[in-house]
């Protein structure tokens, strides 16, 4: 579970991360880099989705500055994956709630702006 978030830092299961992250279906945390800093595109995420989740949560930054490109939105719609994109603090609440409910969820979190 995600325990704490503040600008530039996130704490998950007692471990602190200071870079953008992806959390897979098994709750493993991975570093997440993108082509463009504040735009999330299909190519930035599809390599992480070898196992198809039922839900994907995107944290768009402290102030919600990051945006989801249309190709990414279309990709999730075509796959039938529920998509949530909110400022990171709010997205964390949705992710934790989905995990508590036992849902098959992955998450992508931008930790700054």
PDB file of N, CA and C in Angstrom:
ATOM      1  N   UNK A   1       0.836  -1.184   0.000  1.00  0.00           N
ATOM      2  CA  UNK A   1       0.000   0.000   0.000  1.00  0.00           C
ATOM      3  C   UNK A   1       0.881   1.249   0.000  1.00  0.00           C
ATOM      4  N   UNK A   2       0.336   2.287  -0.547  1.00  0.00           N
ATOM      5  CA  UNK A   2       1.061   3.559  -0.559  1.00  0.00           C
ATOM      6  C   UNK A   2       0.776   4.254   0.762  1.00  0.00           C
ATOM      7  N   UNK A   3       1.833   4.542   1.479  1.00  0.00           N
ATOM      8  CA  UNK A   3       1.716   5.095   2.817  1.00  0.00           C
ATOM      9  C   UNK A   3       1.764   6.615   2.851  1.00  0.00           C
ATOM     10  N   UNK A   4       2.560   7.207   1.965  1.00  0.00           N
ATOM     11  CA  UNK A   4       2.770   8.651   2.044  1.00  0.00           C
ATOM     12  C   UNK A   4       3.213   9.183   0.688  1.00  0.00           C
ATOM     13  N   UNK A   5       2.761  10.394   0.388  1.00  0.00           N
ATOM     14  CA  UNK A   5       3.198  11.090  -0.818  1.00  0.00           C
ATOM     15  C   UNK A   5       3.420  12.544  -0.471  1.00  0.00           C
ATOM     16  N   UNK A   6       4.503  13.076  -0.994  1.00  0.00           N
ATOM     17  CA  UNK A   6       4.725  14.516  -0.973  1.00  0.00           C
ATOM     18  C   UNK A   6       5.491  14.839  -2.246  1.00  0.00           C
ATOM     19  N   UNK A   7       5.469  16.052  -2.659  1.00  0.00           N
ATOM     20  CA  UNK A   7       6.099  16.469  -3.907  1.00  0.00           C
ATOM     21  C   UNK A   7       7.479  15.818  -4.056  1.00  0.00           C
ATOM     22  N   UNK A   8       7.636  14.999  -5.098  1.00  0.00           N
ATOM     23  CA  UNK A   8       8.919  14.380  -5.403  1.00  0.00           C
ATOM     24  C   UNK A   8       9.255  13.111  -4.653  1.00  0.00           C
ATOM     25  N   UNK A   9       8.337  12.614  -3.807  1.00  0.00           N
ATOM     26  CA  UNK A   9       8.653  11.440  -2.994  1.00  0.00           C
ATOM     27  C   UNK A   9       7.383  10.650  -2.686  1.00  0.00           C
ATOM     28  N   UNK A  10       7.520   9.319  -2.706  1.00  0.00           N
ATOM     29  CA  UNK A  10       6.400   8.446  -2.384  1.00  0.00           C
ATOM     30  C   UNK A  10       6.926   7.281  -1.545  1.00  0.00           C
ATOM     31  N   UNK A  11       6.163   6.894  -0.538  1.00  0.00           N
ATOM     32  CA  UNK A  11       6.554   5.801   0.344  1.00  0.00           C
ATOM     33  C   UNK A  11       5.567   4.652   0.182  1.00  0.00           C
ATOM     34  N   UNK A  12       6.118   3.470  -0.180  1.00  0.00           N
ATOM     35  CA  UNK A  12       5.309   2.295  -0.446  1.00  0.00           C
ATOM     36  C   UNK A  12       5.873   1.131   0.355  1.00  0.00           C
ATOM     37  N   UNK A  13       5.038   0.549   1.195  1.00  0.00           N
ATOM     38  CA  UNK A  13       5.450  -0.601   2.012  1.00  0.00           C
ATOM     39  C   UNK A  13       6.794  -0.354   2.705  1.00  0.00           C
ATOM     40  N   UNK A  14       6.942   0.837   3.251  1.00  0.00           N
ATOM     41  CA  UNK A  14       8.124   1.182   4.018  1.00  0.00           C
ATOM     42  C   UNK A  14       9.321   1.651   3.210  1.00  0.00           C
ATOM     43  N   UNK A  15       9.237   1.588   1.892  1.00  0.00           N
ATOM     44  CA  UNK A  15      10.354   1.996   1.040  1.00  0.00           C
ATOM     45  C   UNK A  15      10.020   3.314   0.347  1.00  0.00           C
ATOM     46  N   UNK A  16      10.984   4.239   0.326  1.00  0.00           N
ATOM     47  CA  UNK A  16      10.768   5.544  -0.277  1.00  0.00           C
ATOM     48  C   UNK A  16      11.377   5.603  -1.672  1.00  0.00           C
ATOM     49  N   UNK A  17      10.639   6.219  -2.594  1.00  0.00           N
ATOM     50  CA  UNK A  17      11.077   6.390  -3.980  1.00  0.00           C
ATOM     51  C   UNK A  17      11.028   7.879  -4.314  1.00  0.00           C
ATOM     52  N   UNK A  18      12.014   8.318  -5.088  1.00  0.00           N
ATOM     53  CA  UNK A  18      12.077   9.731  -5.451  1.00  0.00           C
ATOM     54  C   UNK A  18      12.161   9.917  -6.957  1.00  0.00           C
ATOM     55  N   UNK A  19      11.493   9.026  -7.671  1.00  0.00           N
ATOM     56  CA  UNK A  19      11.396   9.124  -9.120  1.00  0.00           C
ATOM     57  C   UNK A  19      10.024   8.601  -9.525  1.00  0.00           C
ATOM     58  N   UNK A  20       9.592   8.951 -10.718  1.00  0.00           N
ATOM     59  CA  UNK A  20       8.303   8.467 -11.201  1.00  0.00           C
ATOM     60  C   UNK A  20       8.320   6.948 -11.239  1.00  0.00           C
ATOM     61  N   UNK A  21       7.171   6.353 -10.898  1.00  0.00           N
ATOM     62  CA  UNK A  21       7.121   4.903 -10.748  1.00  0.00           C
ATOM     63  C   UNK A  21       5.911   4.279 -11.438  1.00  0.00           C
ATOM     64  N   UNK A  22       6.047   2.973 -11.683  1.00  0.00           N
ATOM     65  CA  UNK A  22       4.969   2.118 -12.145  1.00  0.00           C
ATOM     66  C   UNK A  22       4.837   0.995 -11.129  1.00  0.00           C
ATOM     67  N   UNK A  23       3.609   0.671 -10.732  1.00  0.00           N
ATOM     68  CA  UNK A  23       3.358  -0.444  -9.820  1.00  0.00           C
ATOM     69  C   UNK A  23       2.590  -1.505 -10.605  1.00  0.00           C
ATOM     70  N   UNK A  24       3.161  -2.715 -10.693  1.00  0.00           N
ATOM     71  CA  UNK A  24       2.541  -3.764 -11.491  1.00  0.00           C
ATOM     72  C   UNK A  24       1.464  -4.521 -10.699  1.00  0.00           C
ATOM     73  N   UNK A  25       0.881  -5.527 -11.324  1.00  0.00           N
ATOM     74  CA  UNK A  25      -0.208  -6.289 -10.699  1.00  0.00           C
ATOM     75  C   UNK A  25       0.218  -6.997  -9.421  1.00  0.00           C
ATOM     76  N   UNK A  26       1.494  -7.320  -9.312  1.00  0.00           N
ATOM     77  CA  UNK A  26       2.010  -7.999  -8.121  1.00  0.00           C
ATOM     78  C   UNK A  26       2.517  -7.006  -7.072  1.00  0.00           C
ATOM     79  N   UNK A  27       2.236  -5.735  -7.275  1.00  0.00           N
ATOM     80  CA  UNK A  27       2.637  -4.645  -6.376  1.00  0.00           C
ATOM     81  C   UNK A  27       4.136  -4.370  -6.391  1.00  0.00           C
ATOM     82  N   UNK A  28       4.826  -4.822  -7.423  1.00  0.00           N
ATOM     83  CA  UNK A  28       6.247  -4.519  -7.576  1.00  0.00           C
ATOM     84  C   UNK A  28       6.393  -3.105  -8.131  1.00  0.00           C
ATOM     85  N   UNK A  29       7.304  -2.335  -7.532  1.00  0.00           N
ATOM     86  CA  UNK A  29       7.535  -0.955  -7.940  1.00  0.00           C
ATOM     87  C   UNK A  29       8.690  -0.907  -8.931  1.00  0.00           C
ATOM     88  N   UNK A  30       8.469  -0.210 -10.040  1.00  0.00           N
ATOM     89  CA  UNK A  30       9.461  -0.074 -11.106  1.00  0.00           C
ATOM     90  C   UNK A  30       9.665   1.401 -11.431  1.00  0.00           C
ATOM     91  N   UNK A  31      10.862   1.756 -11.835  1.00  0.00           N
ATOM     92  CA  UNK A  31      11.119   3.108 -12.316  1.00  0.00           C
ATOM     93  C   UNK A  31      10.343   3.303 -13.616  1.00  0.00           C
ATOM     94  N   UNK A  32       9.846   4.522 -13.840  1.00  0.00           N
ATOM     95  CA  UNK A  32       9.040   4.793 -15.028  1.00  0.00           C
ATOM     96  C   UNK A  32       9.530   6.063 -15.717  1.00  0.00           C
ATOM     97  N   UNK A  33      10.035   5.902 -16.918  1.00  0.00           N
ATOM     98  CA  UNK A  33      10.509   7.041 -17.719  1.00  0.00           C
ATOM     99  C   UNK A  33       9.638   7.146 -18.966  1.00  0.00           C
ATOM    100  N   UNK A  34       9.504   8.375 -19.436  1.00  0.00           N
ATOM    101  CA  UNK A  34       8.671   8.647 -20.607  1.00  0.00           C
ATOM    102  C   UNK A  34       9.454   9.426 -21.651  1.00  0.00           C
ATOM    103  N   UNK A  35       8.943   9.409 -22.893  1.00  0.00           N
ATOM    104  CA  UNK A  35       9.565  10.188 -23.961  1.00  0.00           C
ATOM    105  C   UNK A  35       9.462  11.680 -23.649  1.00  0.00           C
ATOM    106  N   UNK A  36       8.261  12.091 -23.246  1.00  0.00           N
ATOM    107  CA  UNK A  36       8.027  13.506 -22.931  1.00  0.00           C
ATOM    108  C   UNK A  36       7.590  13.590 -21.477  1.00  0.00           C
ATOM    109  N   UNK A  37       8.163  14.520 -20.774  1.00  0.00           N
ATOM    110  CA  UNK A  37       7.984  14.614 -19.329  1.00  0.00           C
ATOM    111  C   UNK A  37       6.524  14.736 -18.881  1.00  0.00           C
ATOM    112  N   UNK A  38       5.752  15.573 -19.520  1.00  0.00           N
ATOM    113  CA  UNK A  38       4.406  15.862 -19.029  1.00  0.00           C
ATOM    114  C   UNK A  38       3.285  15.373 -19.939  1.00  0.00           C
ATOM    115  N   UNK A  39       3.620  14.430 -20.813  1.00  0.00           N
ATOM    116  CA  UNK A  39       2.611  13.793 -21.643  1.00  0.00           C
ATOM    117  C   UNK A  39       2.832  12.286 -21.563  1.00  0.00           C
ATOM    118  N   UNK A  40       1.788  11.565 -21.190  1.00  0.00           N
ATOM    119  CA  UNK A  40       1.856  10.114 -21.098  1.00  0.00           C
ATOM    120  C   UNK A  40       1.291   9.546 -22.391  1.00  0.00           C
ATOM    121  N   UNK A  41       2.092   8.746 -23.090  1.00  0.00           N
ATOM    122  CA  UNK A  41       1.699   8.194 -24.372  1.00  0.00           C
ATOM    123  C   UNK A  41       1.639   6.665 -24.310  1.00  0.00           C
ATOM    124  N   UNK A  42       0.971   6.080 -25.282  1.00  0.00           N
ATOM    125  CA  UNK A  42       0.833   4.617 -25.354  1.00  0.00           C
ATOM    126  C   UNK A  42       2.191   3.921 -25.240  1.00  0.00           C
ATOM    127  N   UNK A  43       3.188   4.393 -25.963  1.00  0.00           N
ATOM    128  CA  UNK A  43       4.514   3.790 -25.948  1.00  0.00           C
ATOM    129  C   UNK A  43       5.190   3.840 -24.590  1.00  0.00           C
ATOM    130  N   UNK A  44       4.736   4.740 -23.719  1.00  0.00           N
ATOM    131  CA  UNK A  44       5.315   4.873 -22.379  1.00  0.00           C
ATOM    132  C   UNK A  44       4.813   3.806 -21.420  1.00  0.00           C
ATOM    133  N   UNK A  45       3.712   3.147 -21.770  1.00  0.00           N
ATOM    134  CA  UNK A  45       3.104   2.216 -20.814  1.00  0.00           C
ATOM    135  C   UNK A  45       2.884   0.793 -21.324  1.00  0.00           C
ATOM    136  N   UNK A  46       2.724   0.604 -22.621  1.00  0.00           N
ATOM    137  CA  UNK A  46       2.319  -0.716 -23.107  1.00  0.00           C
ATOM    138  C   UNK A  46       3.328  -1.807 -22.775  1.00  0.00           C
ATOM    139  N   UNK A  47       4.608  -1.473 -22.656  1.00  0.00           N
ATOM    140  CA  UNK A  47       5.613  -2.489 -22.318  1.00  0.00           C
ATOM    141  C   UNK A  47       5.432  -3.010 -20.895  1.00  0.00           C
ATOM    142  N   UNK A  48       4.732  -2.243 -20.052  1.00  0.00           N
ATOM    143  CA  UNK A  48       4.500  -2.653 -18.672  1.00  0.00           C
ATOM    144  C   UNK A  48       3.251  -3.521 -18.518  1.00  0.00           C
ATOM    145  N   UNK A  49       2.475  -3.647 -19.574  1.00  0.00           N
ATOM    146  CA  UNK A  49       1.173  -4.308 -19.457  1.00  0.00           C
ATOM    147  C   UNK A  49       1.154  -5.693 -20.101  1.00  0.00           C
ATOM    148  N   UNK A  50       2.156  -6.492 -19.812  1.00  0.00           N
ATOM    149  CA  UNK A  50       2.195  -7.859 -20.336  1.00  0.00           C
ATOM    150  C   UNK A  50       1.010  -8.667 -19.814  1.00  0.00           C
ATOM    151  N   UNK A  51       0.667  -8.442 -18.551  1.00  0.00           N
ATOM    152  CA  UNK A  51      -0.546  -9.017 -17.970  1.00  0.00           C
ATOM    153  C   UNK A  51      -1.567  -7.889 -17.936  1.00  0.00           C
ATOM    154  N   UNK A  52      -2.729  -8.142 -18.497  1.00  0.00           N
ATOM    155  CA  UNK A  52      -3.726  -7.085 -18.616  1.00  0.00           C
ATOM    156  C   UNK A  52      -4.479  -6.872 -17.310  1.00  0.00           C
ATOM    157  N   UNK A  53      -4.385  -5.664 -16.747  1.00  0.00           N
ATOM    158  CA  UNK A  53      -5.140  -5.355 -15.536  1.00  0.00           C
ATOM    159  C   UNK A  53      -6.590  -5.003 -15.888  1.00  0.00           C
ATOM    160  N   UNK A  54      -7.412  -4.914 -14.875  1.00  0.00           N
ATOM    161  CA  UNK A  54      -8.792  -4.448 -15.062  1.00  0.00           C
ATOM    162  C   UNK A  54      -8.872  -2.924 -14.939  1.00  0.00           C
ATOM    163  N   UNK A  55      -7.842  -2.346 -14.249  1.00  0.00           N
ATOM    164  CA  UNK A  55      -7.855  -0.918 -13.983  1.00  0.00           C
ATOM    165  C   UNK A  55      -6.430  -0.371 -14.038  1.00  0.00           C
ATOM    166  N   UNK A  56      -6.292   0.853 -14.542  1.00  0.00           N
ATOM    167  CA  UNK A  56      -5.006   1.551 -14.536  1.00  0.00           C
ATOM    168  C   UNK A  56      -5.235   2.940 -13.939  1.00  0.00           C
ATOM    169  N   UNK A  57      -4.403   3.280 -12.960  1.00  0.00           N
ATOM    170  CA  UNK A  57      -4.505   4.571 -12.284  1.00  0.00           C
ATOM    171  C   UNK A  57      -3.267   5.394 -12.646  1.00  0.00           C
ATOM    172  N   UNK A  58      -3.503   6.624 -13.060  1.00  0.00           N
ATOM    173  CA  UNK A  58      -2.414   7.539 -13.382  1.00  0.00           C
ATOM    174  C   UNK A  58      -2.440   8.721 -12.426  1.00  0.00           C
ATOM    175  N   UNK A  59      -1.300   8.959 -11.772  1.00  0.00           N
ATOM    176  CA  UNK A  59      -1.117  10.161 -10.971  1.00  0.00           C
ATOM    177  C   UNK A  59      -0.440  11.186 -11.854  1.00  0.00           C
ATOM    178  N   UNK A  60      -1.117  12.287 -12.108  1.00  0.00           N
ATOM    179  CA  UNK A  60      -0.646  13.277 -13.083  1.00  0.00           C
ATOM    180  C   UNK A  60       0.202  14.390 -12.469  1.00  0.00           C
ATOM    181  N   UNK A  61       0.711  14.150 -11.269  1.00  0.00           N
ATOM    182  CA  UNK A  61       1.592  15.130 -10.629  1.00  0.00           C
ATOM    183  C   UNK A  61       0.896  15.875  -9.507  1.00  0.00           C
ATOM    184  N   UNK A  62       1.673  16.532  -8.702  1.00  0.00           N
ATOM    185  CA  UNK A  62       1.161  17.305  -7.563  1.00  0.00           C
ATOM    186  C   UNK A  62       0.053  18.268  -7.984  1.00  0.00           C
ATOM    187  N   UNK A  63       0.275  18.951  -9.108  1.00  0.00           N
ATOM    188  CA  UNK A  63      -0.690  19.952  -9.576  1.00  0.00           C
ATOM    189  C   UNK A  63      -1.486  19.468 -10.788  1.00  0.00           C
ATOM    190  N   UNK A  64      -1.325  18.195 -11.142  1.00  0.00           N
ATOM    191  CA  UNK A  64      -2.056  17.645 -12.283  1.00  0.00           C
ATOM    192  C   UNK A  64      -1.563  18.152 -13.622  1.00  0.00           C
ATOM    193  N   UNK A  65      -0.292  18.528 -13.715  1.00  0.00           N
ATOM    194  CA  UNK A  65       0.261  19.136 -14.928  1.00  0.00           C
ATOM    195  C   UNK A  65       0.429  18.141 -16.077  1.00  0.00           C
ATOM    196  N   UNK A  66       0.622  16.879 -15.783  1.00  0.00           N
ATOM    197  CA  UNK A  66       0.826  15.877 -16.838  1.00  0.00           C
ATOM    198  C   UNK A  66      -0.517  15.502 -17.466  1.00  0.00           C
ATOM    199  N   UNK A  67      -0.475  15.210 -18.750  1.00  0.00           N
ATOM    200  CA  UNK A  67      -1.684  14.882 -19.505  1.00  0.00           C
ATOM    201  C   UNK A  67      -1.564  13.518 -20.168  1.00  0.00           C
ATOM    202  N   UNK A  68      -2.697  12.862 -20.377  1.00  0.00           N
ATOM    203  CA  UNK A  68      -2.732  11.601 -21.106  1.00  0.00           C
ATOM    204  C   UNK A  68      -3.023  11.890 -22.570  1.00  0.00           C
ATOM    205  N   UNK A  69      -2.154  11.401 -23.456  1.00  0.00           N
ATOM    206  CA  UNK A  69      -2.349  11.580 -24.891  1.00  0.00           C
ATOM    207  C   UNK A  69      -3.546  10.756 -25.355  1.00  0.00           C
ATOM    208  N   UNK A  70      -4.144  11.165 -26.452  1.00  0.00           N
ATOM    209  CA  UNK A  70      -5.309  10.453 -26.989  1.00  0.00           C
ATOM    210  C   UNK A  70      -4.980   9.007 -27.334  1.00  0.00           C
ATOM    211  N   UNK A  71      -3.760   8.744 -27.856  1.00  0.00           N
ATOM    212  CA  UNK A  71      -3.430   7.366 -28.201  1.00  0.00           C
ATOM    213  C   UNK A  71      -3.416   6.472 -26.971  1.00  0.00           C
ATOM    214  N   UNK A  72      -3.070   7.026 -25.820  1.00  0.00           N
ATOM    215  CA  UNK A  72      -3.077   6.267 -24.574  1.00  0.00           C
ATOM    216  C   UNK A  72      -4.509   5.999 -24.117  1.00  0.00           C
ATOM    217  N   UNK A  73      -5.332   7.012 -24.165  1.00  0.00           N
ATOM    218  CA  UNK A  73      -6.745   6.839 -23.799  1.00  0.00           C
ATOM    219  C   UNK A  73      -7.407   5.791 -24.707  1.00  0.00           C
ATOM    220  N   UNK A  74      -7.130   5.899 -26.008  1.00  0.00           N
ATOM    221  CA  UNK A  74      -7.692   4.948 -26.973  1.00  0.00           C
ATOM    222  C   UNK A  74      -7.206   3.524 -26.684  1.00  0.00           C
ATOM    223  N   UNK A  75      -5.936   3.372 -26.353  1.00  0.00           N
ATOM    224  CA  UNK A  75      -5.344   2.071 -26.046  1.00  0.00           C
ATOM    225  C   UNK A  75      -6.090   1.391 -24.896  1.00  0.00           C
ATOM    226  N   UNK A  76      -6.325   2.125 -23.815  1.00  0.00           N
ATOM    227  CA  UNK A  76      -7.019   1.542 -22.667  1.00  0.00           C
ATOM    228  C   UNK A  76      -8.475   1.237 -22.997  1.00  0.00           C
ATOM    229  N   UNK A  77      -9.106   2.090 -23.758  1.00  0.00           N
ATOM    230  CA  UNK A  77     -10.491   1.845 -24.146  1.00  0.00           C
ATOM    231  C   UNK A  77     -10.587   0.584 -25.003  1.00  0.00           C
ATOM    232  N   UNK A  78      -9.683   0.430 -25.967  1.00  0.00           N
ATOM    233  CA  UNK A  78      -9.680  -0.756 -26.833  1.00  0.00           C
ATOM    234  C   UNK A  78      -9.460  -2.035 -26.027  1.00  0.00           C
ATOM    235  N   UNK A  79      -8.649  -1.969 -24.990  1.00  0.00           N
ATOM    236  CA  UNK A  79      -8.344  -3.135 -24.153  1.00  0.00           C
ATOM    237  C   UNK A  79      -9.421  -3.395 -23.098  1.00  0.00           C
ATOM    238  N   UNK A  80     -10.341  -2.451 -22.925  1.00  0.00           N
ATOM    239  CA  UNK A  80     -11.386  -2.603 -21.930  1.00  0.00           C
ATOM    240  C   UNK A  80     -10.880  -2.426 -20.504  1.00  0.00           C
ATOM    241  N   UNK A  81      -9.834  -1.611 -20.344  1.00  0.00           N
ATOM    242  CA  UNK A  81      -9.242  -1.359 -19.028  1.00  0.00           C
ATOM    243  C   UNK A  81      -9.771  -0.034 -18.494  1.00  0.00           C
ATOM    244  N   UNK A  82     -10.330  -0.083 -17.291  1.00  0.00           N
ATOM    245  CA  UNK A  82     -10.815   1.144 -16.659  1.00  0.00           C
ATOM    246  C   UNK A  82      -9.632   2.085 -16.429  1.00  0.00           C
ATOM    247  N   UNK A  83      -9.803   3.343 -16.776  1.00  0.00           N
ATOM    248  CA  UNK A  83      -8.726   4.320 -16.697  1.00  0.00           C
ATOM    249  C   UNK A  83      -9.102   5.445 -15.748  1.00  0.00           C
ATOM    250  N   UNK A  84      -8.212   5.716 -14.800  1.00  0.00           N
ATOM    251  CA  UNK A  84      -8.394   6.827 -13.874  1.00  0.00           C
ATOM    252  C   UNK A  84      -7.156   7.701 -13.968  1.00  0.00           C
ATOM    253  N   UNK A  85      -7.333   8.993 -14.154  1.00  0.00           N
ATOM    254  CA  UNK A  85      -6.218   9.941 -14.203  1.00  0.00           C
ATOM    255  C   UNK A  85      -6.589  11.157 -13.360  1.00  0.00           C
ATOM    256  N   UNK A  86      -5.801  11.375 -12.300  1.00  0.00           N
ATOM    257  CA  UNK A  86      -6.057  12.473 -11.369  1.00  0.00           C
ATOM    258  C   UNK A  86      -4.719  12.980 -10.846  1.00  0.00           C
ATOM    259  N   UNK A  87      -4.717  14.161 -10.228  1.00  0.00           N
ATOM    260  CA  UNK A  87      -3.495  14.582  -9.547  1.00  0.00           C
ATOM    261  C   UNK A  87      -3.029  13.458  -8.606  1.00  0.00           C
ATOM    262  N   UNK A  88      -1.728  13.324  -8.467  1.00  0.00           N
ATOM    263  CA  UNK A  88      -1.141  12.165  -7.792  1.00  0.00           C
ATOM    264  C   UNK A  88      -1.722  11.889  -6.422  1.00  0.00           C
ATOM    265  N   UNK A  89      -1.904  12.891  -5.606  1.00  0.00           N
ATOM    266  CA  UNK A  89      -2.431  12.668  -4.258  1.00  0.00           C
ATOM    267  C   UNK A  89      -3.812  11.998  -4.298  1.00  0.00           C
ATOM    268  N   UNK A  90      -4.656  12.431  -5.213  1.00  0.00           N
ATOM    269  CA  UNK A  90      -5.994  11.844  -5.347  1.00  0.00           C
ATOM    270  C   UNK A  90      -5.926  10.455  -5.976  1.00  0.00           C
ATOM    271  N   UNK A  91      -5.039  10.288  -6.962  1.00  0.00           N
ATOM    272  CA  UNK A  91      -4.895   8.989  -7.632  1.00  0.00           C
ATOM    273  C   UNK A  91      -4.410   7.913  -6.661  1.00  0.00           C
ATOM    274  N   UNK A  92      -3.575   8.300  -5.717  1.00  0.00           N
ATOM    275  CA  UNK A  92      -3.088   7.352  -4.711  1.00  0.00           C
ATOM    276  C   UNK A  92      -4.251   6.798  -3.894  1.00  0.00           C
ATOM    277  N   UNK A  93      -5.185   7.639  -3.538  1.00  0.00           N
ATOM    278  CA  UNK A  93      -6.360   7.188  -2.776  1.00  0.00           C
ATOM    279  C   UNK A  93      -7.157   6.167  -3.587  1.00  0.00           C
ATOM    280  N   UNK A  94      -7.337   6.432  -4.882  1.00  0.00           N
ATOM    281  CA  UNK A  94      -8.060   5.493  -5.748  1.00  0.00           C
ATOM    282  C   UNK A  94      -7.309   4.174  -5.872  1.00  0.00           C
ATOM    283  N   UNK A  95      -5.990   4.239  -6.008  1.00  0.00           N
ATOM    284  CA  UNK A  95      -5.178   3.028  -6.108  1.00  0.00           C
ATOM    285  C   UNK A  95      -5.285   2.203  -4.823  1.00  0.00           C
ATOM    286  N   UNK A  96      -5.080   2.841  -3.682  1.00  0.00           N
ATOM    287  CA  UNK A  96      -5.156   2.115  -2.409  1.00  0.00           C
ATOM    288  C   UNK A  96      -6.528   1.481  -2.210  1.00  0.00           C
ATOM    289  N   UNK A  97      -7.566   2.201  -2.551  1.00  0.00           N
ATOM    290  CA  UNK A  97      -8.921   1.668  -2.410  1.00  0.00           C
ATOM    291  C   UNK A  97      -9.118   0.450  -3.321  1.00  0.00           C
ATOM    292  N   UNK A  98      -8.653   0.537  -4.563  1.00  0.00           N
ATOM    293  CA  UNK A  98      -8.778  -0.583  -5.490  1.00  0.00           C
ATOM    294  C   UNK A  98      -8.020  -1.801  -4.967  1.00  0.00           C
ATOM    295  N   UNK A  99      -6.829  -1.601  -4.422  1.00  0.00           N
ATOM    296  CA  UNK A  99      -6.049  -2.715  -3.858  1.00  0.00           C
ATOM    297  C   UNK A  99      -6.779  -3.337  -2.666  1.00  0.00           C
ATOM    298  N   UNK A 100      -7.354  -2.494  -1.810  1.00  0.00           N
ATOM    299  CA  UNK A 100      -8.104  -3.004  -0.654  1.00  0.00           C
ATOM    300  C   UNK A 100      -9.294  -3.844  -1.099  1.00  0.00           C
ATOM    301  N   UNK A 101      -9.877  -3.500  -2.225  1.00  0.00           N
ATOM    302  CA  UNK A 101     -11.027  -4.227  -2.762  1.00  0.00           C
ATOM    303  C   UNK A 101     -10.610  -5.478  -3.545  1.00  0.00           C
ATOM    304  N   UNK A 102      -9.295  -5.687  -3.675  1.00  0.00           N
ATOM    305  CA  UNK A 102      -8.798  -6.857  -4.376  1.00  0.00           C
ATOM    306  C   UNK A 102      -8.869  -6.751  -5.889  1.00  0.00           C
ATOM    307  N   UNK A 103      -8.960  -5.539  -6.397  1.00  0.00           N
ATOM    308  CA  UNK A 103      -9.050  -5.351  -7.846  1.00  0.00           C
ATOM    309  C   UNK A 103      -7.698  -5.553  -8.514  1.00  0.00           C
ATOM    310  N   UNK A 104      -7.715  -5.930  -9.770  1.00  0.00           N
ATOM    311  CA  UNK A 104      -6.501  -6.086 -10.577  1.00  0.00           C
ATOM    312  C   UNK A 104      -6.138  -4.710 -11.132  1.00  0.00           C
ATOM    313  N   UNK A 105      -5.237  -4.019 -10.441  1.00  0.00           N
ATOM    314  CA  UNK A 105      -4.927  -2.630 -10.762  1.00  0.00           C
ATOM    315  C   UNK A 105      -3.424  -2.418 -10.886  1.00  0.00           C
ATOM    316  N   UNK A 106      -3.056  -1.570 -11.836  1.00  0.00           N
ATOM    317  CA  UNK A 106      -1.682  -1.089 -11.972  1.00  0.00           C
ATOM    318  C   UNK A 106      -1.721   0.426 -11.812  1.00  0.00           C
ATOM    319  N   UNK A 107      -0.549   1.009 -11.553  1.00  0.00           N
ATOM    320  CA  UNK A 107      -0.519   2.453 -11.347  1.00  0.00           C
ATOM    321  C   UNK A 107       0.754   3.055 -11.919  1.00  0.00           C
ATOM    322  N   UNK A 108       0.607   4.266 -12.418  1.00  0.00           N
ATOM    323  CA  UNK A 108       1.708   5.059 -12.944  1.00  0.00           C
ATOM    324  C   UNK A 108       1.657   6.400 -12.221  1.00  0.00           C
ATOM    325  N   UNK A 109       2.725   6.749 -11.510  1.00  0.00           N
ATOM    326  CA  UNK A 109       2.707   7.973 -10.719  1.00  0.00           C
ATOM    327  C   UNK A 109       3.821   8.937 -11.106  1.00  0.00           C
ATOM    328  N   UNK A 110       3.416  10.146 -11.486  1.00  0.00           N
ATOM    329  CA  UNK A 110       4.337  11.265 -11.706  1.00  0.00           C
ATOM    330  C   UNK A 110       4.413  11.986 -10.358  1.00  0.00           C
ATOM    331  N   UNK A 111       5.604  12.166  -9.822  1.00  0.00           N
ATOM    332  CA  UNK A 111       5.746  12.643  -8.443  1.00  0.00           C
ATOM    333  C   UNK A 111       5.978  14.137  -8.281  1.00  0.00           C
ATOM    334  N   UNK A 112       6.246  14.835  -9.362  1.00  0.00           N
ATOM    335  CA  UNK A 112       6.445  16.270  -9.227  1.00  0.00           C
ATOM    336  C   UNK A 112       5.289  17.016  -9.890  1.00  0.00           C
ATOM    337  N   UNK A 113       5.529  18.180 -10.395  1.00  0.00           N
ATOM    338  CA  UNK A 113       4.527  19.098 -10.927  1.00  0.00           C
ATOM    339  C   UNK A 113       3.255  18.441 -11.385  1.00  0.00           C
TER     340      UNK A 113
END
